[in-house]
Amino acid sequence: MKRIEIGNTGTCVSQLALGGFHQVEISSDVIAQVIDTFVNAGGNYIETARSYGRGASEVKLGRLLKGRRNQVVLASKSSARTADEMRRDVEASLTALQTDHIDFYFFHGVNTMDDLDTISGSGGALEALLEAKEQGVITGMGLSTHRPPELYLEGIRRLPLSLILAWSNYLEEQWIPELHEQVFPAAHAAGVTVTAMKPLADGFLYRSPIQAMRYALGSGADVMVCGMNTIEHVQQAVQALEMGPASAEERAAILKNAPELGNYVCRQCGACSQELMHLFRLEGYLDRQMIDYLPHDPADYALRLRLGGWFDYADEAKSRYAAAGFDADALLKEANAVRCPYGIDVVRKARIASAKLGEGIANQI
């Protein structure tokens, strides 16, 4: 499996990483099979977090990596904001993972500028990780956030990062294109490695795992982090890497035919005006354009309800909508003239998006 150097640390990791969040969902005997399959396929990068299962992911991984810690590069994350909190979390991670060294430790879920100010200020969490790095307890630092692109760009500027963890999939790109257009290039320019999470959009793209992985591979990230919790998941991800990034023609076909995007998710193709496309991006901030009021089978509908508000960004979406000062009547008039190449009923979508973001009641449309 291809190896990628993280930042300028000299530490190289496999292009495919095993994410730790979904290890909470399965028992240790299954995780053992997943790790064995991953390592035997050439994988060596495993990441987790203190918050995953309130430490359960770290405990399980620590138990299963005992005796072969030298086979993997290990990362964990903490939501601590102060130096004292971060010191406690680093110690807790070392104990749970049964190791004396964690290769990369992340400032996790840094979702506000106040968070970043506290972390980088006097007595902030950065102090603790700088100490840990000087003591050889960690090799480098990372950053994750669910508030792109601002927090990534500012974090790259303020913090001595080796890597970031950011979203990359063909659903999210339709409403947060700034990630691959702005954040990824800024990280690379600063010598920061981009590791991409959610290539299957938290499982929403489960019907198309190989094409989803290949699409994400072509969006500019260096390493793909997948929450694989079956042997088949590992095999599918490895197959996608072996096939390589989707070509421009394949990416276009994926956007055209992906069952998860269907005839509702805006592809930002330019057939609509910038205002309409902005409206649909804000709908993405609200619920990832998952709640479309179209018929779905019960399992798919339940998945949409569970994942639509995953990033808890509704208030920000509505605030941005109000600030944009949209003329709803003008938008509907314009939408009526659009012939969407993806078969979207643009008038219907504009009405639903405006109701979700404004004062309307979308489920009464």
Foldseek 3Di string as FASTA:
>chain_A
DDWDDQQPLPDIFDQEEAEQLCVLVDDLVLVLVQVVLCVVLPGAEYEYECPRVVLPSLLSQLVSCVPPNVRHQYEYEDCFWFCVVLLVRLVSSCVSNVHQAHAEYENEAQEDVVSVCSQLDVRTNLVNVVVCCVVRRYRFYEYEHLHPDVVLLVCLVRHPGREYEEAFWQLLCLQCVCCLVPNLVSCVVSSGAYEHEPLVLVVLLVVPLLLSLLQRQPSRHRHYYYNDRHSVSSVSNSVSVVVHHDDPVSNVVCCQDRPQCAQFQGNPPCLADPVLSNLSSLLCLQFSSLPQPDDDPPVSVVVSVVNRCVSVRLVVSLVVVVVVPDDLVVQLVRLVPGDDPSNHSSNLNSVLSCQSNDVHDNVVD
